[in-house]
Amino acid sequence: MNIIEILRNRENNSKNIQFKNLQTYDTFIDRLDLQSKLHGHDGCVNCLEFNTKGSILASASDDLQVFLWDPYRNKVISSFQTPHRGNIFSVKFLPKSNDNQIVTGAADHCVFAYDLHHPEDPIFKCRCHQSRVKRIAVAPELPSVFFSSSEDGCIFQIDLREPHTCHSDAKIVLIDLKNHQEYVETKCVAVNPRRPEQIAIGCNDCYARIYDRRMISLMKIGSDSPDNLTKDCVQYYAPGHLQNLAENGNKTVTFVAFSPNGNELLVNYGAEQIYLFDIDKAEAPIYLNLPRLPPEPAPKSSRNEKADSIKASGNELLEYENYIQAIRKYTEAIQIAPNNPVLYLNRATALMRRKYLGDVYEALRDCHRALHLDPHYIKAHFRLARSLFEINQLTLSNDCLRELKMRFTSHETDQSVRMLEQDITQALSNRTTPSRDSNPEKLSEKELFWRNAAKDYSQRYIGHCNTKTDIKEANFFGQNGEYIVAGSDDGNFYMWERKTNILRGVYKSDKAIVNCVQPHPTLPLIASSGIDHEISLWSPRTSNESEKCRVESNLVDNLVAENQGHMQNDSFEFGIGPDSICRAS
C-alpha cells in the first residue's frame, strides 16, 4: 500500500497518520514515481492548482474547460465549460472562499471568477486587458483580491467586493510597464505569501521585479494615466551576466514564485537557467573585487579526507572531460569543506570548459570565493581575468590582468598571461563604437535606474530546457522549500536540491513539453502537465514496485547536455505559447 492508498482509506484507519513533516523525506524523494494519469481534457493542460488543503486539484486547458479532481482517488469531482474564447493559461482558487470560488485568465484577454456552485454564470467578468492574460495571482491574506498579468504590460488589482464595469473609470491598474519601456509583455505575477504587500512580476526581458504595493496608487485604465511608480517602490533582480542591454534581447521570464517563508524568489528564464534570489540579502553583481594582498600567504586549510577523496574523483572526471560529473563532485566536496579555495578554483575550471549558459559567470563567482579565501592564489586570479574576458567585460579583464602582473611579478612573462593580454588587446581594438541610439528599447529614466540597481542571484539550477513555451513554471517543493521542480521541453520534469543545486531526479511526464509542475501543499505528491491532454500525478512508490517513469541516472547527463545544447542554439520564441503548438478543438 502506498501513501495515496493510505490517504484514500484514512477515514477507516484508526491511526492518525501525519505526513506534514515527511513531505520531502529522503526515502519518499528517492521513490517518487508516476502514480496515475488523469484523463478528461481535450487540449493542452496549461495550468494546475491545488486548493489550500490539497484535497482538490484544479486544471484548465486549451479546450476552455475547468476540471476539479480528487487527487487521492484519481477521479473528476466536477467540470464546466468557461465562457473564454481563447486558451486558458491560469486558474486559481480564491483564498478563504471554502474552495468555492476560482479565477481564470486566458488568451482572449479576459478574466472570469466563478462560484463553483453555479459556474455556468461567472460572478465577475473583466475584458479590460488588451492582450493575452498569462497569470493570475492570489495571497492568503487577501481573501477577495486577485492580480492579473497580461502581455499588454499591465498588472490589474481586482477586489471582488467592488463592482466592475469594463472600460469604465474604475481604478484597477496597479502597474503599467508601458510607461517605462516601449516593447514590454508581462508574462507572470506572484504575491509574497508572508508579505502580501510584495508583488513579483516577470516580463520579456531578464529582470524580475518586486514591487511594494503600499507605495503604489491604483490608476484608471487607459494610456493617459499618469506614472504611479516612484523610484523606491521596486527592486529589480537579474543574473549578473544578463544585466546588459545588448546581451539579453532573447531572454524572458516565464515564471516567478516566492519561497514558503517569503524570503526568496525563484525565476525561470526562457533560453536560460532557473535562478534563486535572496530578496533581502541580494547584492549587486561583483565582477572585479580583488581582496587586499596580505604580506604572507594564508595558512593552509585543514585537510578533510572525505572532501579530498571526492576532489580526487572530480579531478579524474575533469581530466576525461566529464564536466557535468566533475562539477557535481566539486560541489559535493564544497558542502563538506566550504573553506577550501582549491575546490572553488577546480569547479571554476570545469565550468569554464563546459560553457553552458551562465557557466562562465558562475566560474567568475567561484574565482572570487577562492581569492577571498586565499588572496595569494594566482591561479584563481588568472582565471578571474579570463572569465571577465569571456563575458565581454574587457576593461575589467584588462585591469585584473594588470593587477596580477603587479602582485606576482615573477609570472608577468608566463605564456598564458601574455596570450590573454594579446586577446584582450585585440578584442578592445575590435570593439565597435556604440550606435547613436544608446537606448533602443526606449527605456524611461526610472527604468534605467532600476536596471542599474538590479541585484544578483544566490543559486541556479541546470538541466531542463525552456525555449518552446512562455508559461513554463518553476516551483518550490516542500513546506520549507527544500526542493525546486520545473518542467522542460524534453517532456520531463526536473527536481533539484534547493541549497546545493544538485539534480536529484528527472521524471518522464509528457510525450512533448511539460509546462506545469505543482507540488501538493503538505504531501509527497506532485501534479504535472503540458502539451499532452492528461495530467500526471507523482507519489512515492512502494519498495516492491518497479520504477516506471524516473529517468535512469546513467542517461541523465546526456539528457542535460542535449537540453543545454538546445538552450544555446535555439533562441527563445517570443510570444509562443501552447496555443501555437496545440489548439482547442
Protein backbone atom coordinates (compact mmCIF):
# COMPACT_ATOMS: atom_id res chain seq x y z
CA MET A 1 0.00 0.00 0.00
CA ASN A 2 1.47 3.39 -0.99
CA ILE A 3 0.86 6.81 0.53
CA ILE A 4 -2.01 7.72 -1.77
CA GLU A 5 -3.81 4.46 -0.96
CA ILE A 6 -3.38 5.22 2.74
CA LEU A 7 -4.93 8.64 2.20
CA ARG A 8 -7.86 7.15 0.32
CA ASN A 9 -8.62 4.88 3.24
CA ARG A 10 -7.65 7.12 6.11
CA GLU A 11 -11.29 7.65 7.12
CA ASN A 12 -11.36 3.96 8.10
CA ASN A 13 -7.86 3.89 9.55
CA SER A 14 -7.70 4.02 13.30
CA LYS A 15 -4.22 5.54 13.27
CA ASN A 16 -3.82 9.29 12.97
CA ILE A 17 -1.26 9.34 10.15
CA GLN A 18 0.69 12.59 9.90
CA PHE A 19 2.69 13.44 6.77
CA LYS A 20 3.22 17.13 7.47
CA ASN A 21 6.90 16.77 8.33
CA LEU A 22 7.58 13.92 5.89
CA GLN A 23 6.73 15.60 2.60
CA THR A 24 10.35 15.68 1.47
CA TYR A 25 11.60 12.71 3.47
CA ASP A 26 14.62 11.29 1.61
CA THR A 27 13.08 7.86 1.11
CA PHE A 28 9.96 9.42 -0.40
CA ILE A 29 12.03 11.55 -2.77
CA ASP A 30 14.11 8.56 -3.83
CA ARG A 31 10.97 6.56 -4.60
CA LEU A 32 8.99 9.28 -6.33
CA ASP A 33 7.41 7.92 -9.50
CA LEU A 34 4.29 8.02 -11.62
CA GLN A 35 1.15 7.22 -9.66
CA SER A 36 -1.56 7.74 -12.26
CA LYS A 37 -2.80 9.75 -15.23
CA LEU A 38 -5.94 11.92 -15.11
CA HIS A 39 -7.91 11.90 -18.36
CA GLY A 40 -10.67 14.33 -19.24
CA HIS A 41 -9.32 17.38 -21.05
CA ASP A 42 -9.37 17.65 -24.84
CA GLY A 43 -6.46 20.06 -25.22
CA CYS A 44 -3.12 21.11 -23.73
CA VAL A 45 -3.38 21.41 -19.94
CA ASN A 46 -1.79 24.81 -19.32
CA CYS A 47 -2.35 25.30 -15.59
CA LEU A 48 -2.78 23.33 -12.38
CA GLU A 49 -3.61 24.47 -8.86
CA PHE A 50 -4.16 22.65 -5.57
CA ASN A 51 -6.52 24.19 -3.06
CA THR A 52 -5.10 25.14 0.33
CA LYS A 53 -5.89 21.76 1.90
CA GLY A 54 -4.68 19.83 -1.15
CA SER A 55 -7.97 17.93 -1.37
CA ILE A 56 -8.85 19.38 -4.79
CA LEU A 57 -6.73 19.84 -7.90
CA ALA A 58 -7.99 22.37 -10.46
CA SER A 59 -6.88 22.25 -14.09
CA ALA A 60 -7.65 24.35 -17.16
CA SER A 61 -6.87 23.81 -20.78
CA ASP A 62 -6.96 24.85 -24.42
CA ASP A 63 -10.35 23.10 -24.51
CA LEU A 64 -11.69 26.08 -22.49
CA GLN A 65 -12.82 23.80 -19.66
CA VAL A 66 -12.01 23.73 -15.95
CA PHE A 67 -11.80 20.37 -14.20
CA LEU A 68 -11.80 19.76 -10.45
CA TRP A 69 -10.15 16.48 -9.43
CA ASP A 70 -9.89 14.36 -6.30
CA PRO A 71 -6.11 13.73 -6.36
CA TYR A 72 -6.36 10.87 -3.86
CA ARG A 73 -8.94 8.86 -5.77
CA ASN A 74 -7.91 9.92 -9.30
CA LYS A 75 -11.39 10.94 -10.32
CA VAL A 76 -13.29 14.01 -11.54
CA ILE A 77 -15.28 15.89 -8.94
CA SER A 78 -16.83 18.25 -11.47
CA SER A 79 -16.08 20.17 -14.66
CA PHE A 80 -17.56 23.07 -16.58
CA GLN A 81 -17.18 24.95 -19.83
CA THR A 82 -15.95 28.51 -19.37
CA PRO A 83 -17.04 31.49 -21.49
CA HIS A 84 -13.43 32.01 -22.64
CA ARG A 85 -12.78 32.07 -26.37
CA GLY A 86 -9.04 31.55 -26.14
CA ASN A 87 -6.75 29.11 -24.38
CA ILE A 88 -6.85 29.28 -20.59
CA PHE A 89 -3.41 29.99 -19.13
CA SER A 90 -4.12 30.37 -15.42
CA VAL A 91 -6.53 29.06 -12.78
CA LYS A 92 -6.52 29.99 -9.10
CA PHE A 93 -8.62 29.24 -6.03
CA LEU A 94 -9.60 32.38 -4.18
CA PRO A 95 -8.32 32.11 -0.59
CA LYS A 96 -10.79 31.74 2.26
CA SER A 97 -13.69 31.03 -0.10
CA ASN A 98 -14.05 27.46 1.21
CA ASP A 99 -12.78 26.37 -2.22
CA ASN A 100 -16.00 27.62 -3.77
CA GLN A 101 -14.53 30.39 -5.93
CA ILE A 102 -11.88 30.28 -8.63
CA VAL A 103 -10.49 32.73 -11.19
CA THR A 104 -9.30 32.06 -14.75
CA GLY A 105 -7.31 34.12 -17.25
CA ALA A 106 -6.94 33.36 -20.95
CA ALA A 107 -5.70 34.25 -24.42
CA ASP A 108 -8.96 36.07 -25.18
CA HIS A 109 -7.79 38.93 -22.90
CA CYS A 110 -10.48 38.01 -20.35
CA VAL A 111 -10.54 37.28 -16.63
CA PHE A 112 -13.52 35.49 -15.07
CA ALA A 113 -14.36 34.49 -11.49
CA TYR A 114 -16.81 31.69 -10.67
CA ASP A 115 -18.85 30.41 -7.79
CA LEU A 116 -18.37 26.66 -8.18
CA HIS A 117 -21.93 26.01 -7.04
CA HIS A 118 -23.12 27.75 -10.23
CA PRO A 119 -20.08 28.02 -12.54
CA GLU A 120 -22.10 28.43 -15.72
CA ASP A 121 -22.54 32.15 -14.99
CA PRO A 122 -19.35 33.92 -13.81
CA ILE A 123 -19.72 36.16 -10.77
CA PHE A 124 -17.09 38.51 -12.21
CA LYS A 125 -16.14 39.40 -15.77
CA CYS A 126 -13.27 41.61 -16.91
CA ARG A 127 -12.41 42.24 -20.56
CA CYS A 128 -10.19 45.26 -19.94
CA HIS A 129 -6.81 43.77 -20.81
CA GLN A 130 -5.55 44.46 -24.31
CA SER A 131 -3.65 41.19 -24.81
CA ARG A 132 -3.35 37.62 -23.55
CA VAL A 133 -3.77 37.15 -19.79
CA LYS A 134 -0.93 34.86 -18.75
CA ARG A 135 -1.16 34.57 -14.96
CA ILE A 136 -3.48 35.12 -12.02
CA ALA A 137 -2.05 35.56 -8.51
CA VAL A 138 -3.69 35.41 -5.08
CA ALA A 139 -2.48 35.69 -1.48
CA PRO A 140 -3.79 34.07 1.73
CA GLU A 141 -4.13 37.42 3.49
CA LEU A 142 -6.14 38.98 0.63
CA PRO A 143 -9.30 36.82 0.52
CA SER A 144 -11.24 38.85 -2.07
CA VAL A 145 -8.37 40.30 -4.09
CA PHE A 146 -6.51 38.85 -7.04
CA PHE A 147 -3.99 40.11 -9.58
CA SER A 148 -3.88 39.52 -13.32
CA SER A 149 -0.86 39.91 -15.61
CA SER A 150 -1.18 40.40 -19.35
CA GLU A 151 1.05 40.79 -22.34
CA ASP A 152 -0.30 44.33 -22.63
CA GLY A 153 2.25 45.20 -19.92
CA CYS A 154 -0.35 45.76 -17.20
CA ILE A 155 -0.98 44.25 -13.79
CA PHE A 156 -4.56 44.61 -12.58
CA GLN A 157 -5.52 44.52 -8.89
CA ILE A 158 -9.13 43.42 -8.63
CA ASP A 159 -11.28 43.31 -5.50
CA LEU A 160 -14.44 41.23 -5.90
CA ARG A 161 -16.16 43.30 -3.22
CA GLU A 162 -16.17 46.27 -5.58
CA PRO A 163 -18.47 46.47 -8.63
CA HIS A 164 -16.75 46.40 -12.01
CA THR A 165 -17.82 47.68 -15.40
CA CYS A 166 -15.40 47.05 -18.26
CA HIS A 167 -13.71 50.06 -19.86
CA SER A 168 -15.04 52.36 -17.18
CA ASP A 169 -13.13 54.78 -14.96
CA ALA A 170 -12.55 52.07 -12.35
CA LYS A 171 -9.10 52.20 -10.79
CA ILE A 172 -7.73 48.68 -11.17
CA VAL A 173 -4.33 49.25 -12.84
CA LEU A 174 -1.59 48.61 -10.31
CA ILE A 175 1.36 48.67 -12.73
CA ASP A 176 1.58 49.75 -16.38
CA LEU A 177 5.06 48.99 -17.64
CA LYS A 178 4.42 50.74 -20.94
CA ASN A 179 5.03 53.96 -19.02
CA HIS A 180 8.68 52.89 -18.78
CA GLN A 181 9.52 50.79 -21.83
CA GLU A 182 8.04 50.61 -25.29
CA TYR A 183 8.25 46.90 -26.05
CA VAL A 184 7.08 45.04 -22.98
CA GLU A 185 4.96 41.97 -22.27
CA THR A 186 4.15 40.88 -18.74
CA LYS A 187 4.39 37.09 -18.53
CA CYS A 188 3.86 36.20 -14.89
CA VAL A 189 2.93 37.51 -11.45
CA ALA A 190 3.17 36.23 -7.86
CA VAL A 191 2.34 37.59 -4.39
CA ASN A 192 4.59 37.01 -1.41
CA PRO A 193 2.63 34.65 0.92
CA ARG A 194 4.24 36.15 4.04
CA ARG A 195 4.43 39.77 2.93
CA PRO A 196 1.41 40.35 0.67
CA GLU A 197 2.48 43.92 0.01
CA GLN A 198 5.21 42.46 -2.21
CA ILE A 199 4.26 41.50 -5.75
CA ALA A 200 6.73 39.99 -8.22
CA ILE A 201 6.37 40.14 -11.98
CA GLY A 202 8.36 38.84 -14.93
CA CYS A 203 8.41 40.19 -18.47
CA ASN A 204 10.06 39.65 -21.84
CA ASP A 205 13.45 40.73 -20.52
CA CYS A 206 15.91 39.37 -17.97
CA TYR A 207 14.63 41.34 -14.96
CA ALA A 208 12.38 40.02 -12.22
CA ARG A 209 10.74 42.90 -10.36
CA ILE A 210 9.38 43.04 -6.81
CA TYR A 211 7.07 45.97 -6.10
CA ASP A 212 5.83 47.25 -2.76
CA ARG A 213 2.10 47.83 -3.27
CA ARG A 214 1.97 50.14 -0.26
CA MET A 215 3.87 52.70 -2.29
CA ILE A 216 1.65 52.47 -5.39
CA SER A 217 -1.74 54.09 -6.04
CA LEU A 218 -4.17 52.36 -8.37
CA MET A 219 -4.76 54.01 -11.75
CA LYS A 220 -7.55 54.12 -14.27
CA ILE A 221 -7.35 52.06 -17.43
CA GLY A 222 -6.01 54.00 -20.41
CA SER A 223 -2.86 55.41 -21.91
CA ASP A 224 -3.50 58.84 -20.44
CA SER A 225 -2.97 57.56 -16.89
CA PRO A 226 -0.01 59.20 -15.14
CA ASP A 227 3.00 57.25 -13.98
CA ASN A 228 2.26 55.98 -10.47
CA LEU A 229 5.64 54.35 -9.71
CA THR A 230 8.25 56.01 -7.54
CA LYS A 231 11.94 55.14 -7.71
CA ASP A 232 11.74 53.45 -4.31
CA CYS A 233 8.72 51.23 -4.93
CA VAL A 234 10.54 48.40 -6.73
CA GLN A 235 13.69 46.29 -6.67
CA TYR A 236 14.99 44.55 -9.80
CA TYR A 237 16.77 41.16 -9.83
CA ALA A 238 18.76 39.54 -12.65
CA PRO A 239 21.80 37.28 -13.06
CA GLY A 240 24.91 39.43 -13.37
CA HIS A 241 25.88 38.13 -16.82
CA LEU A 242 22.47 39.13 -18.20
CA GLN A 243 22.48 42.68 -16.86
CA ASN A 244 23.48 44.18 -20.17
CA LEU A 245 21.04 45.76 -22.60
CA ALA A 246 22.94 44.41 -25.58
CA GLU A 247 23.17 40.85 -24.27
CA ASN A 248 19.68 39.87 -23.10
CA GLY A 249 17.48 40.51 -26.12
CA ASN A 250 16.28 36.90 -26.39
CA LYS A 251 15.65 36.35 -22.67
CA THR A 252 12.32 36.39 -20.93
CA VAL A 253 10.99 35.45 -17.51
CA THR A 254 8.37 32.71 -17.85
CA PHE A 255 7.58 32.21 -14.15
CA VAL A 256 8.21 33.72 -10.72
CA ALA A 257 7.50 32.10 -7.35
CA PHE A 258 8.11 33.17 -3.75
CA SER A 259 9.51 30.66 -1.27
CA PRO A 260 7.19 29.42 1.50
CA ASN A 261 8.89 31.71 4.04
CA GLY A 262 8.72 34.66 1.62
CA ASN A 263 12.48 35.32 1.75
CA GLU A 264 13.45 34.07 -1.71
CA LEU A 265 12.27 34.49 -5.28
CA LEU A 266 12.58 31.72 -7.86
CA VAL A 267 12.76 32.81 -11.51
CA ASN A 268 12.52 30.60 -14.61
CA TYR A 269 14.09 32.12 -17.73
CA GLY A 270 13.35 31.35 -21.35
CA ALA A 271 16.53 30.24 -23.14
CA GLU A 272 18.42 30.29 -19.83
CA GLN A 273 18.56 28.58 -16.44
CA ILE A 274 16.46 28.83 -13.28
CA TYR A 275 17.77 31.30 -10.68
CA LEU A 276 17.11 31.87 -6.99
CA PHE A 277 17.35 35.35 -5.46
CA ASP A 278 17.62 36.20 -1.77
CA ILE A 279 15.14 39.07 -1.52
CA ASP A 280 16.64 40.86 1.48
CA LYS A 281 20.33 39.90 1.25
CA ALA A 282 20.96 40.01 -2.50
CA GLU A 283 23.76 42.29 -3.67
CA ALA A 284 24.72 43.93 -6.93
CA PRO A 285 26.85 41.77 -9.23
CA ILE A 286 30.55 41.73 -8.37
CA TYR A 287 32.69 41.49 -11.47
CA LEU A 288 36.04 42.56 -10.05
CA ASN A 289 36.70 42.99 -6.34
CA LEU A 290 40.17 41.80 -5.52
CA PRO A 291 40.94 41.37 -1.81
CA ARG A 292 43.89 43.17 -0.28
CA LEU A 293 47.02 41.09 -0.62
CA PRO A 294 48.39 40.26 2.84
CA PRO A 295 52.19 40.09 3.25
CA GLU A 296 52.16 36.35 3.82
CA PRO A 297 50.10 33.61 2.19
CA ALA A 298 47.12 32.40 4.17
CA PRO A 299 47.73 29.22 6.19
CA LYS A 300 46.66 26.03 4.50
CA SER A 301 43.12 24.99 5.38
CA SER A 302 42.85 21.81 7.41
CA ARG A 303 42.54 18.72 5.26
CA ASN A 304 39.40 16.68 5.13
CA GLU A 305 39.96 13.14 3.92
CA LYS A 306 36.43 12.71 2.61
CA ALA A 307 36.49 16.02 0.73
CA ASP A 308 39.96 15.20 -0.64
CA SER A 309 38.73 11.85 -1.91
CA ILE A 310 35.76 13.44 -3.63
CA LYS A 311 38.03 16.15 -5.10
CA ALA A 312 40.31 13.45 -6.50
CA SER A 313 37.31 11.88 -8.23
CA GLY A 314 36.39 15.30 -9.60
CA ASN A 315 39.91 15.80 -10.91
CA GLU A 316 39.81 12.48 -12.72
CA LEU A 317 36.44 13.33 -14.27
CA LEU A 318 37.78 16.74 -15.30
CA GLU A 319 40.75 15.09 -16.99
CA TYR A 320 38.39 12.89 -19.00
CA GLU A 321 36.26 15.94 -19.93
CA ASN A 322 33.23 14.71 -17.99
CA TYR A 323 32.45 18.23 -16.81
CA ILE A 324 28.92 17.59 -15.54
CA GLN A 325 30.06 14.91 -13.12
CA ALA A 326 33.23 16.82 -12.20
CA ILE A 327 31.20 19.89 -11.22
CA ARG A 328 28.88 17.66 -9.23
CA LYS A 329 31.84 16.15 -7.34
CA TYR A 330 33.40 19.51 -6.57
CA THR A 331 30.03 20.81 -5.35
CA GLU A 332 29.68 17.76 -3.12
CA ALA A 333 33.16 18.36 -1.71
CA ILE A 334 32.42 22.05 -1.09
CA GLN A 335 29.46 21.05 1.09
CA ILE A 336 31.95 19.20 3.30
CA ALA A 337 34.86 21.68 3.15
CA PRO A 338 33.42 25.12 2.28
CA ASN A 339 36.66 26.98 3.14
CA ASN A 340 38.89 25.15 0.69
CA PRO A 341 39.84 27.58 -2.14
CA VAL A 342 41.13 24.78 -4.40
CA LEU A 343 37.66 23.26 -4.63
CA TYR A 344 36.20 26.53 -5.90
CA LEU A 345 39.01 27.02 -8.41
CA ASN A 346 38.67 23.46 -9.70
CA ARG A 347 34.92 23.88 -10.08
CA ALA A 348 35.51 27.18 -11.90
CA THR A 349 37.85 25.37 -14.28
CA ALA A 350 35.23 22.74 -15.05
CA LEU A 351 32.54 25.39 -15.50
CA MET A 352 34.64 27.38 -17.97
CA ARG A 353 35.32 24.25 -20.00
CA ARG A 354 31.70 23.12 -20.01
CA LYS A 355 30.35 26.56 -21.01
CA TYR A 356 26.64 26.07 -20.54
CA LEU A 357 24.64 29.28 -20.39
CA GLY A 358 25.81 31.21 -17.35
CA ASP A 359 28.71 28.85 -16.61
CA VAL A 360 31.48 31.39 -17.17
CA TYR A 361 29.81 33.91 -14.87
CA GLU A 362 29.36 31.22 -12.22
CA ALA A 363 33.06 30.40 -12.64
CA LEU A 364 33.83 34.09 -12.05
CA ARG A 365 31.89 33.92 -8.78
CA ASP A 366 33.88 30.82 -7.76
CA CYS A 367 37.15 32.63 -8.52
CA HIS A 368 36.09 35.43 -6.20
CA ARG A 369 35.30 32.88 -3.48
CA ALA A 370 38.69 31.24 -3.90
CA LEU A 371 40.56 34.57 -3.82
CA HIS A 372 38.81 35.77 -0.70
CA LEU A 373 39.84 32.54 1.00
CA ASP A 374 43.39 32.84 -0.33
CA PRO A 375 44.36 36.22 -1.87
CA HIS A 376 47.74 34.74 -2.94
CA TYR A 377 46.04 32.13 -5.14
CA ILE A 378 47.48 33.19 -8.50
CA LYS A 379 45.60 30.54 -10.49
CA ALA A 380 42.29 31.91 -9.21
CA HIS A 381 43.42 35.46 -10.04
CA PHE A 382 44.33 34.47 -13.59
CA ARG A 383 41.10 32.53 -14.15
CA LEU A 384 39.14 35.52 -12.87
CA ALA A 385 40.79 37.66 -15.56
CA ARG A 386 39.97 35.02 -18.18
CA SER A 387 36.33 34.73 -17.09
CA LEU A 388 35.91 38.52 -17.23
CA PHE A 389 37.25 38.41 -20.76
CA GLU A 390 34.84 35.67 -21.78
CA ILE A 391 31.77 37.53 -20.51
CA ASN A 392 32.93 40.57 -22.51
CA GLN A 393 33.98 42.67 -19.51
CA LEU A 394 37.11 43.64 -21.43
CA THR A 395 38.18 46.70 -19.45
CA LEU A 396 37.78 44.87 -16.14
CA SER A 397 39.62 41.85 -17.53
CA ASN A 398 42.49 44.13 -18.52
CA ASP A 399 42.52 45.72 -15.06
CA CYS A 400 42.50 42.29 -13.41
CA LEU A 401 45.41 41.06 -15.52
CA ARG A 402 47.40 44.24 -14.91
CA GLU A 403 46.94 43.78 -11.16
CA LEU A 404 48.09 40.16 -11.43
CA LYS A 405 51.33 41.28 -13.08
CA MET A 406 51.89 43.85 -10.33
CA ARG A 407 51.18 41.43 -7.49
CA PHE A 408 53.00 38.42 -8.89
CA THR A 409 55.92 39.89 -10.84
CA SER A 410 57.57 36.51 -11.38
CA HIS A 411 54.59 35.44 -13.52
CA GLU A 412 54.19 38.51 -15.73
CA THR A 413 56.03 36.81 -18.60
CA ASP A 414 54.16 33.50 -18.36
CA GLN A 415 52.88 32.37 -21.73
CA SER A 416 49.28 32.14 -20.51
CA VAL A 417 49.44 35.70 -19.18
CA ARG A 418 50.90 37.03 -22.42
CA MET A 419 48.32 35.19 -24.54
CA LEU A 420 45.40 36.56 -22.50
CA GLU A 421 46.93 40.03 -22.72
CA GLN A 422 47.04 39.72 -26.51
CA ASP A 423 43.41 38.51 -26.61
CA ILE A 424 42.25 41.47 -24.54
CA THR A 425 44.19 43.97 -26.65
CA GLN A 426 42.77 42.52 -29.86
CA ALA A 427 39.21 42.49 -28.51
CA LEU A 428 39.46 46.09 -27.31
CA SER A 429 40.71 47.21 -30.71
CA ASN A 430 37.83 45.38 -32.44
CA ARG A 431 35.18 46.82 -30.15
CA THR A 432 32.62 48.68 -32.21
CA THR A 433 31.51 52.21 -31.45
CA PRO A 434 28.08 52.30 -29.74
CA SER A 435 25.23 53.33 -32.02
CA ARG A 436 23.83 56.80 -31.79
CA ASP A 437 20.67 55.41 -30.22
CA SER A 438 22.06 54.26 -26.89
CA ASN A 439 18.56 53.46 -25.66
CA PRO A 440 16.96 51.36 -28.43
CA GLU A 441 14.33 49.90 -26.11
CA LYS A 442 13.02 53.40 -25.31
CA LEU A 443 13.51 52.98 -21.59
CA SER A 444 12.46 55.69 -19.16
CA GLU A 445 14.93 57.32 -16.80
CA LYS A 446 13.41 55.35 -13.93
CA GLU A 447 13.68 52.08 -15.84
CA LEU A 448 17.37 52.68 -16.47
CA PHE A 449 17.82 53.49 -12.78
CA TRP A 450 16.04 50.29 -11.69
CA ARG A 451 18.04 48.12 -14.07
CA ASN A 452 21.33 49.64 -12.98
CA ALA A 453 20.43 48.80 -9.36
CA ALA A 454 19.50 45.17 -10.08
CA LYS A 455 20.60 42.50 -7.59
CA ASP A 456 22.37 39.24 -8.39
CA TYR A 457 21.31 35.63 -7.77
CA SER A 458 22.25 33.29 -4.94
CA GLN A 459 21.76 29.92 -6.66
CA ARG A 460 20.98 28.46 -10.09
CA TYR A 461 19.55 25.17 -11.35
CA ILE A 462 20.67 23.48 -14.57
CA GLY A 463 19.27 20.57 -16.56
CA HIS A 464 15.93 21.45 -18.11
CA CYS A 465 15.26 23.17 -21.44
CA ASN A 466 12.96 26.19 -21.78
CA THR A 467 12.72 27.57 -25.33
CA LYS A 468 9.36 26.44 -26.72
CA THR A 469 6.72 27.92 -24.39
CA ASP A 470 6.41 31.05 -22.31
CA ILE A 471 4.34 29.59 -19.46
CA LYS A 472 6.90 27.11 -18.12
CA GLU A 473 6.86 27.04 -14.32
CA ALA A 474 9.45 26.53 -11.59
CA ASN A 475 8.20 25.93 -8.05
CA PHE A 476 9.34 25.15 -4.53
CA PHE A 477 8.57 21.65 -3.25
CA GLY A 478 8.35 21.11 0.49
CA GLN A 479 6.96 23.25 3.27
CA ASN A 480 10.41 24.75 3.75
CA GLY A 481 11.19 24.87 0.03
CA GLU A 482 13.70 22.02 0.23
CA TYR A 483 13.49 21.25 -3.48
CA ILE A 484 12.99 23.04 -6.79
CA VAL A 485 10.84 21.48 -9.54
CA ALA A 486 10.31 22.58 -13.14
CA GLY A 487 9.11 21.26 -16.47
CA SER A 488 11.10 21.01 -19.68
CA ASP A 489 10.79 20.92 -23.45
CA ASP A 490 12.02 17.31 -23.45
CA GLY A 491 8.81 16.00 -21.86
CA ASN A 492 10.37 15.59 -18.40
CA PHE A 493 10.18 17.46 -15.16
CA TYR A 494 13.30 18.04 -13.08
CA MET A 495 13.95 18.19 -9.34
CA TRP A 496 16.93 19.85 -7.65
CA GLU A 497 18.07 20.26 -4.06
CA ARG A 498 17.47 23.94 -3.34
CA LYS A 499 20.56 24.53 -1.17
CA THR A 500 23.13 22.67 -3.28
CA ASN A 501 21.56 22.87 -6.79
CA ILE A 502 22.32 19.15 -7.20
CA LEU A 503 19.93 17.49 -9.65
CA ARG A 504 18.02 14.90 -7.63
CA GLY A 505 15.80 13.32 -10.27
CA VAL A 506 14.34 13.52 -13.79
CA TYR A 507 10.86 12.17 -14.50
CA LYS A 508 9.24 11.36 -17.84
CA SER A 509 5.87 13.10 -17.75
CA ASP A 510 4.82 14.09 -21.28
CA LYS A 511 5.36 12.99 -24.85
CA ALA A 512 6.31 16.56 -25.74
CA ILE A 513 6.58 19.53 -23.36
CA VAL A 514 5.98 19.82 -19.61
CA ASN A 515 4.88 23.31 -18.57
CA CYS A 516 3.27 22.84 -15.15
CA VAL A 517 4.73 21.18 -12.05
CA GLN A 518 2.56 21.79 -9.00
CA PRO A 519 3.52 20.27 -5.63
CA HIS A 520 0.85 19.36 -3.11
CA PRO A 521 0.85 21.82 -0.17
CA THR A 522 1.68 19.21 2.50
CA LEU A 523 2.08 15.70 1.00
CA PRO A 524 4.75 13.99 -1.13
CA LEU A 525 2.52 14.38 -4.18
CA ILE A 526 3.20 16.34 -7.38
CA ALA A 527 0.96 17.09 -10.37
CA SER A 528 2.43 17.83 -13.79
CA SER A 529 1.01 18.67 -17.22
CA GLY A 530 1.86 20.17 -20.57
CA ILE A 531 1.17 19.68 -24.25
CA ASP A 532 -0.42 16.26 -23.68
CA HIS A 533 -4.09 16.28 -22.73
CA GLU A 534 -3.72 14.36 -19.47
CA ILE A 535 -2.35 15.21 -16.04
CA SER A 536 0.33 13.12 -14.33
CA LEU A 537 0.28 12.50 -10.57
CA TRP A 538 3.52 11.56 -8.83
CA SER A 539 4.00 9.98 -5.40
CA PRO A 540 6.45 7.59 -3.70
CA ARG A 541 6.19 4.01 -4.94
CA THR A 542 6.35 1.09 -2.54
CA SER A 543 9.65 -0.76 -2.17
CA ASN A 544 8.44 -3.75 -4.23
CA GLU A 545 7.26 -1.66 -7.19
CA SER A 546 9.49 -1.29 -10.22
CA GLU A 547 10.39 2.18 -11.44
CA LYS A 548 8.07 3.46 -14.15
CA CYS A 549 8.97 6.91 -15.34
CA ARG A 550 12.06 8.05 -13.50
CA VAL A 551 14.89 8.56 -15.99
CA GLU A 552 17.82 6.25 -15.25
CA SER A 553 20.77 8.06 -13.71
CA ASN A 554 23.17 6.92 -16.43
CA LEU A 555 21.02 8.69 -19.04
CA VAL A 556 20.55 11.98 -17.20
CA ASP A 557 23.87 13.59 -18.12
CA ASN A 558 23.31 13.06 -21.84
CA LEU A 559 19.81 14.48 -21.48
CA VAL A 560 21.13 17.55 -19.68
CA ALA A 561 23.84 18.11 -22.31
CA GLU A 562 21.29 17.83 -25.11
CA ASN A 563 18.97 20.30 -23.37
CA GLN A 564 21.76 22.79 -22.84
CA GLY A 565 22.71 22.50 -26.49
CA HIS A 566 19.14 23.43 -27.43
CA MET A 567 19.20 26.35 -24.99
CA GLN A 568 22.39 27.71 -26.56
CA ASN A 569 21.35 27.20 -30.17
CA ASP A 570 17.60 27.90 -30.09
CA SER A 571 16.64 31.42 -29.13
CA PHE A 572 13.51 31.79 -27.06
CA GLU A 573 10.46 32.15 -29.31
CA PHE A 574 8.85 35.34 -28.05
CA GLY A 575 5.10 35.17 -27.69
CA ILE A 576 4.98 31.47 -28.46
CA GLY A 577 2.63 29.76 -26.07
CA PRO A 578 0.87 26.41 -26.09
CA ASP A 579 -1.79 27.81 -28.42
CA SER A 580 0.74 27.78 -31.27
CA ILE A 581 1.50 24.10 -30.68
CA CYS A 582 -1.91 22.63 -30.00
CA ARG A 583 -5.21 24.45 -30.29
CA ALA A 584 -8.55 23.97 -28.65
CA SER A 585 -10.87 21.79 -30.69
